[in-house]
Amino acid sequence: MTPNGSAIRAIREAQKLSIRALSNRTGLNRGYLSRLERGLIRDPAHERVEAIAQAMRVPTDAITHKETT
């Protein structure tokens, strides 16, 4: 499962969630979430991606799709 960092950030910002708030909801480190959004973590654990999607109340595939240019 490959996360789409841009999608994660866009959804988080659209929901007016800070990295800190998302960290609190998921139990994941803020630095980890920041690196994930910047595309520095390419193969996170499936459970972590699901936790992020669940915390933002979106389907998992909303934050794992590939960007099209």
C-alpha atoms as a PDB file:
ATOM      1  CA  MET A   1       0.000   0.000   0.000  1.00  0.00           C
ATOM      2  CA  THR A   2       1.577   3.237  -1.146  1.00  0.00           C
ATOM      3  CA  PRO A   3       0.378   6.382   0.621  1.00  0.00           C
ATOM      4  CA  ASN A   4      -0.198   9.564  -1.299  1.00  0.00           C
ATOM      5  CA  GLY A   5       1.344  12.239   0.904  1.00  0.00           C
ATOM      6  CA  SER A   6      -0.182  15.083  -1.094  1.00  0.00           C
ATOM      7  CA  ALA A   7      -3.650  13.603  -0.657  1.00  0.00           C
ATOM      8  CA  ILE A   8      -3.120  13.102   3.066  1.00  0.00           C
ATOM      9  CA  ARG A   9      -2.028  16.719   3.475  1.00  0.00           C
ATOM     10  CA  ALA A  10      -4.830  18.086   1.285  1.00  0.00           C
ATOM     11  CA  ILE A  11      -7.518  16.193   3.190  1.00  0.00           C
ATOM     12  CA  ARG A  12      -5.982  17.091   6.551  1.00  0.00           C
ATOM     13  CA  GLU A  13      -5.842  20.783   5.640  1.00  0.00           C
ATOM     14  CA  ALA A  14      -9.363  20.756   4.152  1.00  0.00           C
ATOM     15  CA  GLN A  15     -10.587  19.386   7.476  1.00  0.00           C
ATOM     16  CA  LYS A  16      -8.593  22.084   9.276  1.00  0.00           C
ATOM     17  CA  LEU A  17      -6.621  19.434  11.169  1.00  0.00           C
ATOM     18  CA  SER A  18      -3.125  20.210  12.340  1.00  0.00           C
ATOM     19  CA  ILE A  19      -0.381  17.603  12.262  1.00  0.00           C
ATOM     20  CA  ARG A  20      -0.600  17.644  16.051  1.00  0.00           C
ATOM     21  CA  ALA A  21      -4.345  16.917  16.001  1.00  0.00           C
ATOM     22  CA  LEU A  22      -3.844  14.074  13.522  1.00  0.00           C
ATOM     23  CA  SER A  23      -1.038  12.758  15.688  1.00  0.00           C
ATOM     24  CA  ASN A  24      -3.340  12.793  18.712  1.00  0.00           C
ATOM     25  CA  ARG A  25      -6.077  10.970  16.796  1.00  0.00           C
ATOM     26  CA  THR A  26      -3.777   8.288  15.386  1.00  0.00           C
ATOM     27  CA  GLY A  27      -1.158   7.904  18.089  1.00  0.00           C
ATOM     28  CA  LEU A  28       1.513   8.385  15.410  1.00  0.00           C
ATOM     29  CA  ASN A  29       4.470  10.702  15.883  1.00  0.00           C
ATOM     30  CA  ARG A  30       4.143  14.184  14.309  1.00  0.00           C
ATOM     31  CA  GLY A  31       7.529  13.825  12.614  1.00  0.00           C
ATOM     32  CA  TYR A  32       6.453  10.521  11.112  1.00  0.00           C
ATOM     33  CA  LEU A  33       3.248  12.065   9.760  1.00  0.00           C
ATOM     34  CA  SER A  34       5.185  15.001   8.316  1.00  0.00           C
ATOM     35  CA  ARG A  35       7.646  12.671   6.571  1.00  0.00           C
ATOM     36  CA  LEU A  36       4.757  10.610   5.244  1.00  0.00           C
ATOM     37  CA  GLU A  37       3.085  13.705   3.782  1.00  0.00           C
ATOM     38  CA  ARG A  38       6.344  14.752   2.142  1.00  0.00           C
ATOM     39  CA  GLY A  39       6.740  11.344   0.527  1.00  0.00           C
ATOM     40  CA  LEU A  40       9.796  10.348   2.552  1.00  0.00           C
ATOM     41  CA  ILE A  41       8.164   7.166   3.827  1.00  0.00           C
ATOM     42  CA  ARG A  42       7.305   4.949   0.901  1.00  0.00           C
ATOM     43  CA  ASP A  43       6.160   1.700   2.490  1.00  0.00           C
ATOM     44  CA  PRO A  44       4.407   2.307   5.809  1.00  0.00           C
ATOM     45  CA  ALA A  45       2.641  -0.430   7.714  1.00  0.00           C
ATOM     46  CA  HIS A  46      -0.853  -1.059   6.401  1.00  0.00           C
ATOM     47  CA  GLU A  47      -2.253  -0.480   9.902  1.00  0.00           C
ATOM     48  CA  ARG A  48      -0.748   3.010  10.047  1.00  0.00           C
ATOM     49  CA  VAL A  49      -2.308   4.049   6.747  1.00  0.00           C
ATOM     50  CA  GLU A  50      -5.659   2.677   7.904  1.00  0.00           C
ATOM     51  CA  ALA A  51      -5.338   4.576  11.199  1.00  0.00           C
ATOM     52  CA  ILE A  52      -4.743   7.832   9.319  1.00  0.00           C
ATOM     53  CA  ALA A  53      -7.716   7.256   7.020  1.00  0.00           C
ATOM     54  CA  GLN A  54      -9.926   6.345   9.955  1.00  0.00           C
ATOM     55  CA  ALA A  55      -8.824   9.413  11.934  1.00  0.00           C
ATOM     56  CA  MET A  56      -9.716  11.649   8.971  1.00  0.00           C
ATOM     57  CA  ARG A  57     -12.935   9.680   8.320  1.00  0.00           C
ATOM     58  CA  VAL A  58     -12.094   8.891   4.695  1.00  0.00           C
ATOM     59  CA  PRO A  59     -11.751   5.583   2.836  1.00  0.00           C
ATOM     60  CA  THR A  60      -8.225   4.189   2.806  1.00  0.00           C
ATOM     61  CA  ASP A  61      -8.076   4.421  -0.978  1.00  0.00           C
ATOM     62  CA  ALA A  62      -8.602   8.201  -0.719  1.00  0.00           C
ATOM     63  CA  ILE A  63      -5.105   8.524   0.718  1.00  0.00           C
ATOM     64  CA  THR A  64      -3.377   5.809  -1.287  1.00  0.00           C
ATOM     65  CA  HIS A  65      -4.254   6.689  -4.858  1.00  0.00           C
ATOM     66  CA  LYS A  66      -1.614   7.692  -7.337  1.00  0.00           C
ATOM     67  CA  GLU A  67      -1.459  11.300  -8.478  1.00  0.00           C
ATOM     68  CA  THR A  68      -2.205  11.931 -12.112  1.00  0.00           C
ATOM     69  CA  THR A  69      -0.526  14.771 -13.929  1.00  0.00           C
END
